[in-house]
Amino acid sequence: MATYTTLDFETARELLRPYPLGEVCVFEVIEGGAENSSFRIQTDLGDWCLTVYNKKSFAQVSLLAKIYERLQEEGFPTPEVIRAGEAVVTRFGDRPLIVKTYIQGEVSSHMSEEMCAELGHVLAVLHEIGPPNGLPVQHAYGAASFFAITEATIGDPFREWLSEKARFLASRIPDDLPRVFAHGDAFYDNVIFHQGHLAGLIDFEEAALLPASFDLGMAVLGTCFTGERLEVRKCAALLAGYQARRSLGHAERELLPVMIEYAAVATAFWRFRQYRYMQPEPDLQDHHAEMVARADFVHAMSAAEFLGGEHGSEKAKDA
């Protein structure tokens, strides 16, 4: 992904001068991020991450900082926001920025069952935390935003597919499910592992008050697939890790396959809109096709096929 903001060493030093972080020794770009520009900063006092938000308002980033500070209060494994005096959000020109601790570790695009169980456990911990005020009550690219497809897509097969999926999801998902403090985007690249264990859950930009089963569905989508196929044992491990800490109600447990499908539809929509229209990138024009295939794969699964992964997942139950 592109880096939208460029910084040099001296500019970074000036931006960090109000922060109690010591003298900058190393400065490097962190690759990735569809809308932000992040930089790893090493000083004589530690490692830090400076993120400039290219598409978010000061108010939106202030809410994000509040989310991180709420998680810090609970000892949740996520980066710690660093204040510059009383300010938690500062600016680079007209763009807001925050500085956080840098979590040592790596991401795994092929998480093991044990890793999935750890992620399930951490999501259960998150769902027990009282949320900060101001969290949205809709996912940023959930069903309420599906209408936001340009008129230029009339006749496009994806538009017809999305409409059909929207009708199906509306018929299956109740409006009155209880809501929790949800991450909203627990894909593998937002989960940091160190020495084989989960060290941190990062990037809370899609955090919202959502049904627990949707948050789990998004996590399954982002960690338990190989290509278009759901690895049911990994899914079962993630759910077992979750339920070892927090019980998932029967209704939401029954809805989990639908919520995985919903997460895939929403992600397909985001990718289609983003890379075809909002930020056109020729190499990513068909990036949504993977999520279309995953949604259709889960839709076609029987209950017996979905539940099959629960047998033989004793390792996850002990996680």
C-alpha atoms as a PDB file:
ATOM      1  CA  MET A   1       0.000   0.000   0.000  1.00  0.00           C
ATOM      2  CA  ALA A   2       1.098   3.562  -0.570  1.00  0.00           C
ATOM      3  CA  THR A   3       2.675   5.763   2.064  1.00  0.00           C
ATOM      4  CA  TYR A   4       0.758   9.026   1.754  1.00  0.00           C
ATOM      5  CA  THR A   5       2.885  11.167   4.053  1.00  0.00           C
ATOM      6  CA  THR A   6       6.635  11.341   3.714  1.00  0.00           C
ATOM      7  CA  LEU A   7       8.869  12.315   6.608  1.00  0.00           C
ATOM      8  CA  ASP A   8      12.610  12.709   6.809  1.00  0.00           C
ATOM      9  CA  PHE A   9      14.760  12.168   9.876  1.00  0.00           C
ATOM     10  CA  GLU A  10      14.910  15.847  10.886  1.00  0.00           C
ATOM     11  CA  THR A  11      11.158  16.367  10.451  1.00  0.00           C
ATOM     12  CA  ALA A  12      10.482  13.309  12.604  1.00  0.00           C
ATOM     13  CA  ARG A  13      12.780  14.676  15.312  1.00  0.00           C
ATOM     14  CA  GLU A  14      10.868  17.973  15.322  1.00  0.00           C
ATOM     15  CA  LEU A  15       7.486  16.245  15.488  1.00  0.00           C
ATOM     16  CA  LEU A  16       8.645  14.146  18.429  1.00  0.00           C
ATOM     17  CA  ARG A  17      10.263  16.990  20.352  1.00  0.00           C
ATOM     18  CA  PRO A  18       7.151  17.586  22.555  1.00  0.00           C
ATOM     19  CA  TYR A  19       7.074  13.895  23.518  1.00  0.00           C
ATOM     20  CA  PRO A  20       9.106  12.432  26.403  1.00  0.00           C
ATOM     21  CA  LEU A  21      10.752   9.822  24.196  1.00  0.00           C
ATOM     22  CA  GLY A  22      14.433  10.666  24.274  1.00  0.00           C
ATOM     23  CA  GLU A  23      16.750  11.248  21.338  1.00  0.00           C
ATOM     24  CA  VAL A  24      15.820   9.734  17.964  1.00  0.00           C
ATOM     25  CA  CYS A  25      18.364   7.171  16.787  1.00  0.00           C
ATOM     26  CA  VAL A  26      16.574   5.238  14.034  1.00  0.00           C
ATOM     27  CA  PHE A  27      13.684   6.243  11.810  1.00  0.00           C
ATOM     28  CA  GLU A  28      12.037   3.970   9.226  1.00  0.00           C
ATOM     29  CA  VAL A  29       8.795   3.598   7.276  1.00  0.00           C
ATOM     30  CA  ILE A  30       6.400   0.822   8.308  1.00  0.00           C
ATOM     31  CA  GLU A  31       4.963  -0.622   5.113  1.00  0.00           C
ATOM     32  CA  GLY A  32       1.216  -1.262   4.820  1.00  0.00           C
ATOM     33  CA  GLY A  33      -1.895   0.619   5.776  1.00  0.00           C
ATOM     34  CA  ALA A  34      -4.517   1.677   3.268  1.00  0.00           C
ATOM     35  CA  GLU A  35      -5.109   5.184   4.630  1.00  0.00           C
ATOM     36  CA  ASN A  36      -2.361   5.944   7.174  1.00  0.00           C
ATOM     37  CA  SER A  37       1.366   6.505   7.132  1.00  0.00           C
ATOM     38  CA  SER A  38       3.282   4.893   9.985  1.00  0.00           C
ATOM     39  CA  PHE A  39       6.902   5.155  11.010  1.00  0.00           C
ATOM     40  CA  ARG A  40       8.980   3.197  13.491  1.00  0.00           C
ATOM     41  CA  ILE A  41      11.051   5.419  15.751  1.00  0.00           C
ATOM     42  CA  GLN A  42      13.874   4.111  17.928  1.00  0.00           C
ATOM     43  CA  THR A  43      15.240   6.370  20.632  1.00  0.00           C
ATOM     44  CA  ASP A  44      17.576   5.927  23.560  1.00  0.00           C
ATOM     45  CA  LEU A  45      14.462   5.207  25.675  1.00  0.00           C
ATOM     46  CA  GLY A  46      12.675   2.629  23.512  1.00  0.00           C
ATOM     47  CA  ASP A  47      10.723   1.855  20.329  1.00  0.00           C
ATOM     48  CA  TRP A  48       7.726   3.888  19.199  1.00  0.00           C
ATOM     49  CA  CYS A  49       5.291   4.131  16.332  1.00  0.00           C
ATOM     50  CA  LEU A  50       4.329   7.506  14.845  1.00  0.00           C
ATOM     51  CA  THR A  51       1.190   7.405  12.682  1.00  0.00           C
ATOM     52  CA  VAL A  52      -0.067  10.226  10.480  1.00  0.00           C
ATOM     53  CA  TYR A  53      -3.752   9.881   9.546  1.00  0.00           C
ATOM     54  CA  ASN A  54      -4.224  10.979   5.950  1.00  0.00           C
ATOM     55  CA  LYS A  55      -7.992  10.480   5.662  1.00  0.00           C
ATOM     56  CA  LYS A  56      -9.300  10.961   9.222  1.00  0.00           C
ATOM     57  CA  SER A  57     -10.350  14.150  10.964  1.00  0.00           C
ATOM     58  CA  PHE A  58      -8.864  15.392  14.224  1.00  0.00           C
ATOM     59  CA  ALA A  59     -12.102  14.332  15.979  1.00  0.00           C
ATOM     60  CA  GLN A  60     -11.907  10.812  14.550  1.00  0.00           C
ATOM     61  CA  VAL A  61      -8.292  10.389  15.642  1.00  0.00           C
ATOM     62  CA  SER A  62      -9.120  11.826  19.067  1.00  0.00           C
ATOM     63  CA  LEU A  63     -11.739   9.072  19.462  1.00  0.00           C
ATOM     64  CA  LEU A  64      -9.180   6.488  18.379  1.00  0.00           C
ATOM     65  CA  ALA A  65      -6.755   7.777  21.010  1.00  0.00           C
ATOM     66  CA  LYS A  66      -9.533   7.576  23.601  1.00  0.00           C
ATOM     67  CA  ILE A  67     -10.084   3.924  22.611  1.00  0.00           C
ATOM     68  CA  TYR A  68      -6.416   3.122  23.158  1.00  0.00           C
ATOM     69  CA  GLU A  69      -6.364   4.910  26.506  1.00  0.00           C
ATOM     70  CA  ARG A  70      -9.465   2.996  27.630  1.00  0.00           C
ATOM     71  CA  LEU A  71      -7.741  -0.261  26.705  1.00  0.00           C
ATOM     72  CA  GLN A  72      -4.597   0.838  28.548  1.00  0.00           C
ATOM     73  CA  GLU A  73      -6.659   1.340  31.702  1.00  0.00           C
ATOM     74  CA  GLU A  74      -7.713  -2.321  31.503  1.00  0.00           C
ATOM     75  CA  GLY A  75      -4.241  -3.663  30.741  1.00  0.00           C
ATOM     76  CA  PHE A  76      -5.379  -4.914  27.343  1.00  0.00           C
ATOM     77  CA  PRO A  77      -2.539  -6.022  25.021  1.00  0.00           C
ATOM     78  CA  THR A  78      -2.411  -3.138  22.550  1.00  0.00           C
ATOM     79  CA  PRO A  79      -0.027  -0.214  21.963  1.00  0.00           C
ATOM     80  CA  GLU A  80       0.104   2.486  24.620  1.00  0.00           C
ATOM     81  CA  VAL A  81      -0.643   6.011  23.435  1.00  0.00           C
ATOM     82  CA  ILE A  82       2.008   8.551  24.419  1.00  0.00           C
ATOM     83  CA  ARG A  83       0.990  12.098  25.347  1.00  0.00           C
ATOM     84  CA  ALA A  84       2.819  15.274  24.432  1.00  0.00           C
ATOM     85  CA  GLY A  85       2.152  17.129  27.659  1.00  0.00           C
ATOM     86  CA  GLU A  86      -1.660  17.208  27.866  1.00  0.00           C
ATOM     87  CA  ALA A  87      -2.149  16.543  24.150  1.00  0.00           C
ATOM     88  CA  VAL A  88      -2.816  12.987  23.005  1.00  0.00           C
ATOM     89  CA  VAL A  89      -3.231  13.993  19.341  1.00  0.00           C
ATOM     90  CA  THR A  90      -0.844  16.430  17.655  1.00  0.00           C
ATOM     91  CA  ARG A  91      -0.509  17.535  14.029  1.00  0.00           C
ATOM     92  CA  PHE A  92       1.775  17.334  11.032  1.00  0.00           C
ATOM     93  CA  GLY A  93       0.527  20.238   8.961  1.00  0.00           C
ATOM     94  CA  ASP A  94      -3.244  19.737   8.760  1.00  0.00           C
ATOM     95  CA  ARG A  95      -3.050  15.998   9.453  1.00  0.00           C
ATOM     96  CA  PRO A  96      -3.546  14.504  12.929  1.00  0.00           C
ATOM     97  CA  LEU A  97      -0.960  12.153  14.355  1.00  0.00           C
ATOM     98  CA  ILE A  98      -0.519  10.005  17.432  1.00  0.00           C
ATOM     99  CA  VAL A  99       2.507   8.271  18.885  1.00  0.00           C
ATOM    100  CA  LYS A 100       2.249   4.807  20.448  1.00  0.00           C
ATOM    101  CA  THR A 101       4.575   2.218  21.847  1.00  0.00           C
ATOM    102  CA  TYR A 102       5.886  -0.214  19.233  1.00  0.00           C
ATOM    103  CA  ILE A 103       4.967  -3.842  19.952  1.00  0.00           C
ATOM    104  CA  GLN A 104       7.822  -6.220  19.191  1.00  0.00           C
ATOM    105  CA  GLY A 105       6.848  -9.278  17.187  1.00  0.00           C
ATOM    106  CA  GLU A 106       5.501 -10.332  13.843  1.00  0.00           C
ATOM    107  CA  VAL A 107       2.277 -11.186  12.075  1.00  0.00           C
ATOM    108  CA  SER A 108       1.460 -14.653  10.769  1.00  0.00           C
ATOM    109  CA  SER A 109      -0.598 -15.060   7.607  1.00  0.00           C
ATOM    110  CA  HIS A 110      -1.001 -18.770   8.431  1.00  0.00           C
ATOM    111  CA  MET A 111      -1.937 -18.866  12.092  1.00  0.00           C
ATOM    112  CA  SER A 112      -1.969 -22.212  13.884  1.00  0.00           C
ATOM    113  CA  GLU A 113      -4.965 -23.518  15.816  1.00  0.00           C
ATOM    114  CA  GLU A 114      -3.231 -22.484  19.028  1.00  0.00           C
ATOM    115  CA  MET A 115      -2.725 -18.947  17.701  1.00  0.00           C
ATOM    116  CA  CYS A 116      -6.384 -18.779  16.689  1.00  0.00           C
ATOM    117  CA  ALA A 117      -7.392 -19.882  20.193  1.00  0.00           C
ATOM    118  CA  GLU A 118      -5.269 -17.089  21.705  1.00  0.00           C
ATOM    119  CA  LEU A 119      -6.947 -14.563  19.428  1.00  0.00           C
ATOM    120  CA  GLY A 120     -10.377 -15.872  20.484  1.00  0.00           C
ATOM    121  CA  HIS A 121      -9.414 -15.459  24.143  1.00  0.00           C
ATOM    122  CA  VAL A 122      -8.206 -11.878  23.607  1.00  0.00           C
ATOM    123  CA  LEU A 123     -11.418 -10.960  21.778  1.00  0.00           C
ATOM    124  CA  ALA A 124     -13.393 -12.321  24.724  1.00  0.00           C
ATOM    125  CA  VAL A 125     -11.378 -10.075  27.050  1.00  0.00           C
ATOM    126  CA  LEU A 126     -12.087  -7.098  24.794  1.00  0.00           C
ATOM    127  CA  HIS A 127     -15.809  -7.851  24.728  1.00  0.00           C
ATOM    128  CA  GLU A 128     -15.931  -7.696  28.523  1.00  0.00           C
ATOM    129  CA  ILE A 129     -14.445  -4.182  28.654  1.00  0.00           C
ATOM    130  CA  GLY A 130     -16.788  -1.256  29.090  1.00  0.00           C
ATOM    131  CA  PRO A 131     -16.413   0.865  25.930  1.00  0.00           C
ATOM    132  CA  PRO A 132     -15.453   4.537  25.865  1.00  0.00           C
ATOM    133  CA  ASN A 133     -18.161   7.060  25.016  1.00  0.00           C
ATOM    134  CA  GLY A 134     -18.611   7.936  21.385  1.00  0.00           C
ATOM    135  CA  LEU A 135     -18.102   4.568  19.724  1.00  0.00           C
ATOM    136  CA  PRO A 136     -20.123   4.208  16.502  1.00  0.00           C
ATOM    137  CA  VAL A 137     -22.966   1.683  16.511  1.00  0.00           C
ATOM    138  CA  GLN A 138     -22.446   0.579  12.903  1.00  0.00           C
ATOM    139  CA  HIS A 139     -19.440  -1.038  11.284  1.00  0.00           C
ATOM    140  CA  ALA A 140     -17.605   1.415   9.035  1.00  0.00           C
ATOM    141  CA  TYR A 141     -18.273  -0.643   5.903  1.00  0.00           C
ATOM    142  CA  GLY A 142     -21.200  -2.746   7.091  1.00  0.00           C
ATOM    143  CA  ALA A 143     -24.609  -3.203   5.510  1.00  0.00           C
ATOM    144  CA  ALA A 144     -25.702   0.387   6.124  1.00  0.00           C
ATOM    145  CA  SER A 145     -23.041   1.559   3.653  1.00  0.00           C
ATOM    146  CA  PHE A 146     -23.657  -0.978   0.884  1.00  0.00           C
ATOM    147  CA  PHE A 147     -25.792   1.525  -1.020  1.00  0.00           C
ATOM    148  CA  ALA A 148     -22.699   3.699  -1.528  1.00  0.00           C
ATOM    149  CA  ILE A 149     -21.808   2.133  -4.867  1.00  0.00           C
ATOM    150  CA  THR A 150     -21.413   4.595  -7.687  1.00  0.00           C
ATOM    151  CA  GLU A 151     -23.921   4.670 -10.559  1.00  0.00           C
ATOM    152  CA  ALA A 152     -21.047   3.694 -12.826  1.00  0.00           C
ATOM    153  CA  THR A 153     -21.372   0.131 -11.505  1.00  0.00           C
ATOM    154  CA  ILE A 154     -24.894  -0.426 -12.864  1.00  0.00           C
ATOM    155  CA  GLY A 155     -24.778  -3.732 -14.718  1.00  0.00           C
ATOM    156  CA  ASP A 156     -21.590  -4.835 -12.954  1.00  0.00           C
ATOM    157  CA  PRO A 157     -21.961  -8.421 -11.638  1.00  0.00           C
ATOM    158  CA  PHE A 158     -20.586  -7.349  -8.259  1.00  0.00           C
ATOM    159  CA  ARG A 159     -23.377  -4.818  -7.773  1.00  0.00           C
ATOM    160  CA  GLU A 160     -25.994  -7.529  -8.385  1.00  0.00           C
ATOM    161  CA  TRP A 161     -24.157  -9.959  -6.093  1.00  0.00           C
ATOM    162  CA  LEU A 162     -23.966  -7.341  -3.327  1.00  0.00           C
ATOM    163  CA  SER A 163     -27.688  -6.586  -3.584  1.00  0.00           C
ATOM    164  CA  GLU A 164     -28.537 -10.271  -3.322  1.00  0.00           C
ATOM    165  CA  LYS A 165     -26.257 -10.714  -0.315  1.00  0.00           C
ATOM    166  CA  ALA A 166     -27.704  -7.619   1.369  1.00  0.00           C
ATOM    167  CA  ARG A 167     -31.211  -9.059   1.087  1.00  0.00           C
ATOM    168  CA  PHE A 168     -30.076 -12.416   2.468  1.00  0.00           C
ATOM    169  CA  LEU A 169     -28.233 -10.884   5.424  1.00  0.00           C
ATOM    170  CA  ALA A 170     -31.172  -8.610   6.282  1.00  0.00           C
ATOM    171  CA  SER A 171     -33.428 -11.667   6.406  1.00  0.00           C
ATOM    172  CA  ARG A 172     -31.145 -13.589   8.745  1.00  0.00           C
ATOM    173  CA  ILE A 173     -29.581 -11.111  11.181  1.00  0.00           C
ATOM    174  CA  PRO A 174     -31.845  -9.722  13.961  1.00  0.00           C
ATOM    175  CA  ASP A 175     -31.631  -6.047  14.854  1.00  0.00           C
ATOM    176  CA  ASP A 176     -31.726  -6.643  18.612  1.00  0.00           C
ATOM    177  CA  LEU A 177     -28.518  -8.626  19.192  1.00  0.00           C
ATOM    178  CA  PRO A 178     -26.576  -7.422  22.256  1.00  0.00           C
ATOM    179  CA  ARG A 179     -23.564  -5.265  21.435  1.00  0.00           C
ATOM    180  CA  VAL A 180     -20.038  -5.273  22.791  1.00  0.00           C
ATOM    181  CA  PHE A 181     -16.822  -3.281  22.471  1.00  0.00           C
ATOM    182  CA  ALA A 182     -15.673  -4.817  19.169  1.00  0.00           C
ATOM    183  CA  HIS A 183     -12.400  -4.490  17.265  1.00  0.00           C
ATOM    184  CA  GLY A 184     -14.119  -4.798  13.886  1.00  0.00           C
ATOM    185  CA  ASP A 185     -11.047  -5.763  11.826  1.00  0.00           C
ATOM    186  CA  ALA A 186      -9.161  -8.587  13.567  1.00  0.00           C
ATOM    187  CA  PHE A 187      -7.408  -9.813  10.422  1.00  0.00           C
ATOM    188  CA  TYR A 188      -4.088 -11.627  10.813  1.00  0.00           C
ATOM    189  CA  ASP A 189      -2.096  -8.471  10.021  1.00  0.00           C
ATOM    190  CA  ASN A 190      -3.574  -6.741  13.074  1.00  0.00           C
ATOM    191  CA  VAL A 191      -2.487  -9.518  15.444  1.00  0.00           C
ATOM    192  CA  ILE A 192       1.113  -9.411  16.699  1.00  0.00           C
ATOM    193  CA  PHE A 193       2.802 -12.577  17.976  1.00  0.00           C
ATOM    194  CA  HIS A 194       6.095 -12.755  19.830  1.00  0.00           C
ATOM    195  CA  GLN A 195       7.837 -16.056  20.472  1.00  0.00           C
ATOM    196  CA  GLY A 196       4.681 -17.916  19.466  1.00  0.00           C
ATOM    197  CA  HIS A 197       2.264 -16.072  21.744  1.00  0.00           C
ATOM    198  CA  LEU A 198      -0.102 -13.177  21.138  1.00  0.00           C
ATOM    199  CA  ALA A 199       1.642  -9.946  22.102  1.00  0.00           C
ATOM    200  CA  GLY A 200      -0.878  -7.394  20.918  1.00  0.00           C
ATOM    201  CA  LEU A 201      -4.001  -6.550  18.955  1.00  0.00           C
ATOM    202  CA  ILE A 202      -3.494  -3.367  16.953  1.00  0.00           C
ATOM    203  CA  ASP A 203      -5.342  -0.935  14.634  1.00  0.00           C
ATOM    204  CA  PHE A 204      -8.632  -0.179  16.367  1.00  0.00           C
ATOM    205  CA  GLU A 205      -9.815   2.187  13.620  1.00  0.00           C
ATOM    206  CA  GLU A 206     -12.926   0.105  12.921  1.00  0.00           C
ATOM    207  CA  ALA A 207     -13.832  -0.326  16.603  1.00  0.00           C
ATOM    208  CA  ALA A 208     -17.563  -0.010  17.277  1.00  0.00           C
ATOM    209  CA  LEU A 209     -20.432  -1.322  19.379  1.00  0.00           C
ATOM    210  CA  LEU A 210     -21.267  -4.497  17.449  1.00  0.00           C
ATOM    211  CA  PRO A 211     -22.648  -7.991  18.053  1.00  0.00           C
ATOM    212  CA  ALA A 212     -19.928 -10.265  19.412  1.00  0.00           C
ATOM    213  CA  SER A 213     -20.660 -12.767  16.643  1.00  0.00           C
ATOM    214  CA  PHE A 214     -19.861 -10.173  13.960  1.00  0.00           C
ATOM    215  CA  ASP A 215     -16.483  -9.420  15.570  1.00  0.00           C
ATOM    216  CA  LEU A 216     -15.774 -13.152  15.727  1.00  0.00           C
ATOM    217  CA  GLY A 217     -16.948 -13.566  12.140  1.00  0.00           C
ATOM    218  CA  MET A 218     -14.514 -10.887  10.968  1.00  0.00           C
ATOM    219  CA  ALA A 219     -11.708 -12.552  12.944  1.00  0.00           C
ATOM    220  CA  VAL A 220     -12.490 -15.941  11.406  1.00  0.00           C
ATOM    221  CA  LEU A 221     -12.551 -14.340   7.956  1.00  0.00           C
ATOM    222  CA  GLY A 222      -9.146 -12.765   8.513  1.00  0.00           C
ATOM    223  CA  THR A 223      -7.339 -15.681  10.171  1.00  0.00           C
ATOM    224  CA  CYS A 224      -9.005 -19.027   9.426  1.00  0.00           C
ATOM    225  CA  PHE A 225      -9.111 -19.207   5.628  1.00  0.00           C
ATOM    226  CA  THR A 226      -6.682 -20.601   3.107  1.00  0.00           C
ATOM    227  CA  GLY A 227      -7.590 -19.051  -0.210  1.00  0.00           C
ATOM    228  CA  GLU A 228     -11.369 -19.284  -0.474  1.00  0.00           C
ATOM    229  CA  ARG A 229     -11.725 -22.254   1.878  1.00  0.00           C
ATOM    230  CA  LEU A 230     -12.592 -22.011   5.572  1.00  0.00           C
ATOM    231  CA  GLU A 231     -10.359 -24.132   7.804  1.00  0.00           C
ATOM    232  CA  VAL A 232     -13.034 -25.341  10.188  1.00  0.00           C
ATOM    233  CA  ARG A 233     -10.596 -26.605  12.835  1.00  0.00           C
ATOM    234  CA  LYS A 234      -9.008 -23.157  13.108  1.00  0.00           C
ATOM    235  CA  CYS A 235     -12.462 -21.606  13.322  1.00  0.00           C
ATOM    236  CA  ALA A 236     -13.397 -24.067  16.081  1.00  0.00           C
ATOM    237  CA  ALA A 237     -10.150 -23.273  17.917  1.00  0.00           C
ATOM    238  CA  LEU A 238     -10.838 -19.540  17.799  1.00  0.00           C
ATOM    239  CA  LEU A 239     -14.363 -20.077  19.118  1.00  0.00           C
ATOM    240  CA  ALA A 240     -13.150 -22.441  21.844  1.00  0.00           C
ATOM    241  CA  GLY A 241     -10.554 -19.897  22.967  1.00  0.00           C
ATOM    242  CA  TYR A 242     -13.287 -17.284  23.126  1.00  0.00           C
ATOM    243  CA  GLN A 243     -15.768 -19.415  25.044  1.00  0.00           C
ATOM    244  CA  ALA A 244     -13.139 -20.507  27.544  1.00  0.00           C
ATOM    245  CA  ARG A 245     -13.310 -16.892  28.746  1.00  0.00           C
ATOM    246  CA  ARG A 246     -16.746 -15.623  27.714  1.00  0.00           C
ATOM    247  CA  SER A 247     -19.883 -17.520  26.777  1.00  0.00           C
ATOM    248  CA  LEU A 248     -21.392 -16.754  23.406  1.00  0.00           C
ATOM    249  CA  GLY A 249     -25.183 -16.834  23.506  1.00  0.00           C
ATOM    250  CA  HIS A 250     -26.984 -19.609  21.620  1.00  0.00           C
ATOM    251  CA  ALA A 251     -28.506 -17.216  19.081  1.00  0.00           C
ATOM    252  CA  GLU A 252     -25.153 -15.678  18.237  1.00  0.00           C
ATOM    253  CA  ARG A 253     -23.464 -19.073  18.123  1.00  0.00           C
ATOM    254  CA  GLU A 254     -26.051 -20.210  15.568  1.00  0.00           C
ATOM    255  CA  LEU A 255     -25.489 -17.007  13.587  1.00  0.00           C
ATOM    256  CA  LEU A 256     -21.710 -17.354  13.353  1.00  0.00           C
ATOM    257  CA  PRO A 257     -21.639 -18.790   9.784  1.00  0.00           C
ATOM    258  CA  VAL A 258     -23.915 -15.954   8.632  1.00  0.00           C
ATOM    259  CA  MET A 259     -21.685 -13.411  10.385  1.00  0.00           C
ATOM    260  CA  ILE A 260     -18.574 -14.838   8.687  1.00  0.00           C
ATOM    261  CA  GLU A 261     -20.401 -14.443   5.383  1.00  0.00           C
ATOM    262  CA  TYR A 262     -21.442 -10.899   6.369  1.00  0.00           C
ATOM    263  CA  ALA A 263     -17.826 -10.013   7.200  1.00  0.00           C
ATOM    264  CA  ALA A 264     -16.702 -11.323   3.803  1.00  0.00           C
ATOM    265  CA  VAL A 265     -19.423  -9.387   1.972  1.00  0.00           C
ATOM    266  CA  ALA A 266     -18.517  -6.189   3.838  1.00  0.00           C
ATOM    267  CA  THR A 267     -14.817  -6.627   3.100  1.00  0.00           C
ATOM    268  CA  ALA A 268     -15.542  -7.369  -0.572  1.00  0.00           C
ATOM    269  CA  PHE A 269     -17.608  -4.168  -0.709  1.00  0.00           C
ATOM    270  CA  TRP A 270     -14.809  -2.140   0.906  1.00  0.00           C
ATOM    271  CA  ARG A 271     -12.178  -3.467  -1.489  1.00  0.00           C
ATOM    272  CA  PHE A 272     -14.384  -2.953  -4.549  1.00  0.00           C
ATOM    273  CA  ARG A 273     -15.236   0.624  -3.604  1.00  0.00           C
ATOM    274  CA  GLN A 274     -11.712   1.471  -2.469  1.00  0.00           C
ATOM    275  CA  TYR A 275      -9.668   0.112  -5.372  1.00  0.00           C
ATOM    276  CA  ARG A 276     -12.127   0.714  -8.208  1.00  0.00           C
ATOM    277  CA  TYR A 277     -13.345   4.201  -7.271  1.00  0.00           C
ATOM    278  CA  MET A 278     -12.009   5.875  -4.133  1.00  0.00           C
ATOM    279  CA  GLN A 279      -8.333   5.047  -4.639  1.00  0.00           C
ATOM    280  CA  PRO A 280      -8.048   3.291  -8.014  1.00  0.00           C
ATOM    281  CA  GLU A 281      -5.147   0.886  -8.221  1.00  0.00           C
ATOM    282  CA  PRO A 282      -4.850  -1.219 -11.395  1.00  0.00           C
ATOM    283  CA  ASP A 283      -3.144  -4.096  -9.590  1.00  0.00           C
ATOM    284  CA  LEU A 284      -6.009  -4.305  -7.057  1.00  0.00           C
ATOM    285  CA  GLN A 285      -9.015  -3.900  -9.362  1.00  0.00           C
ATOM    286  CA  ASP A 286     -10.130  -7.453  -8.614  1.00  0.00           C
ATOM    287  CA  HIS A 287      -8.921  -7.626  -5.012  1.00  0.00           C
ATOM    288  CA  HIS A 288     -12.519  -8.030  -3.839  1.00  0.00           C
ATOM    289  CA  ALA A 289     -12.899 -11.339  -5.719  1.00  0.00           C
ATOM    290  CA  GLU A 290     -11.190 -13.292  -2.921  1.00  0.00           C
ATOM    291  CA  MET A 291     -13.808 -12.113  -0.418  1.00  0.00           C
ATOM    292  CA  VAL A 292     -16.630 -12.841  -2.852  1.00  0.00           C
ATOM    293  CA  ALA A 293     -15.359 -16.416  -3.083  1.00  0.00           C
ATOM    294  CA  ARG A 294     -15.102 -16.730   0.704  1.00  0.00           C
ATOM    295  CA  ALA A 295     -18.633 -15.427   1.232  1.00  0.00           C
ATOM    296  CA  ASP A 296     -20.009 -17.875  -1.338  1.00  0.00           C
ATOM    297  CA  PHE A 297     -18.004 -20.754   0.148  1.00  0.00           C
ATOM    298  CA  VAL A 298     -19.439 -20.220   3.643  1.00  0.00           C
ATOM    299  CA  HIS A 299     -22.930 -19.686   2.237  1.00  0.00           C
ATOM    300  CA  ALA A 300     -22.775 -23.119   0.598  1.00  0.00           C
ATOM    301  CA  MET A 301     -21.577 -24.946   3.742  1.00  0.00           C
ATOM    302  CA  SER A 302     -23.969 -27.166   5.634  1.00  0.00           C
ATOM    303  CA  ALA A 303     -24.260 -26.930   9.420  1.00  0.00           C
ATOM    304  CA  ALA A 304     -22.571 -30.339   9.680  1.00  0.00           C
ATOM    305  CA  GLU A 305     -19.608 -29.157   7.600  1.00  0.00           C
ATOM    306  CA  PHE A 306     -19.262 -25.975   9.658  1.00  0.00           C
ATOM    307  CA  LEU A 307     -19.456 -27.803  12.983  1.00  0.00           C
ATOM    308  CA  GLY A 308     -17.061 -30.524  11.879  1.00  0.00           C
ATOM    309  CA  GLY A 309     -14.052 -28.551  13.056  1.00  0.00           C
ATOM    310  CA  GLU A 310     -15.259 -28.674  16.647  1.00  0.00           C
ATOM    311  CA  HIS A 311     -14.333 -32.331  16.889  1.00  0.00           C
ATOM    312  CA  GLY A 312     -10.719 -32.960  17.657  1.00  0.00           C
ATOM    313  CA  SER A 313      -9.921 -29.405  18.801  1.00  0.00           C
ATOM    314  CA  GLU A 314      -8.948 -30.314  22.367  1.00  0.00           C
ATOM    315  CA  LYS A 315      -5.760 -28.272  22.088  1.00  0.00           C
ATOM    316  CA  ALA A 316      -7.780 -25.100  21.633  1.00  0.00           C
ATOM    317  CA  LYS A 317      -9.983 -25.924  24.609  1.00  0.00           C
ATOM    318  CA  ASP A 318      -6.891 -26.023  26.821  1.00  0.00           C
ATOM    319  CA  ALA A 319      -5.592 -22.677  25.509  1.00  0.00           C
END
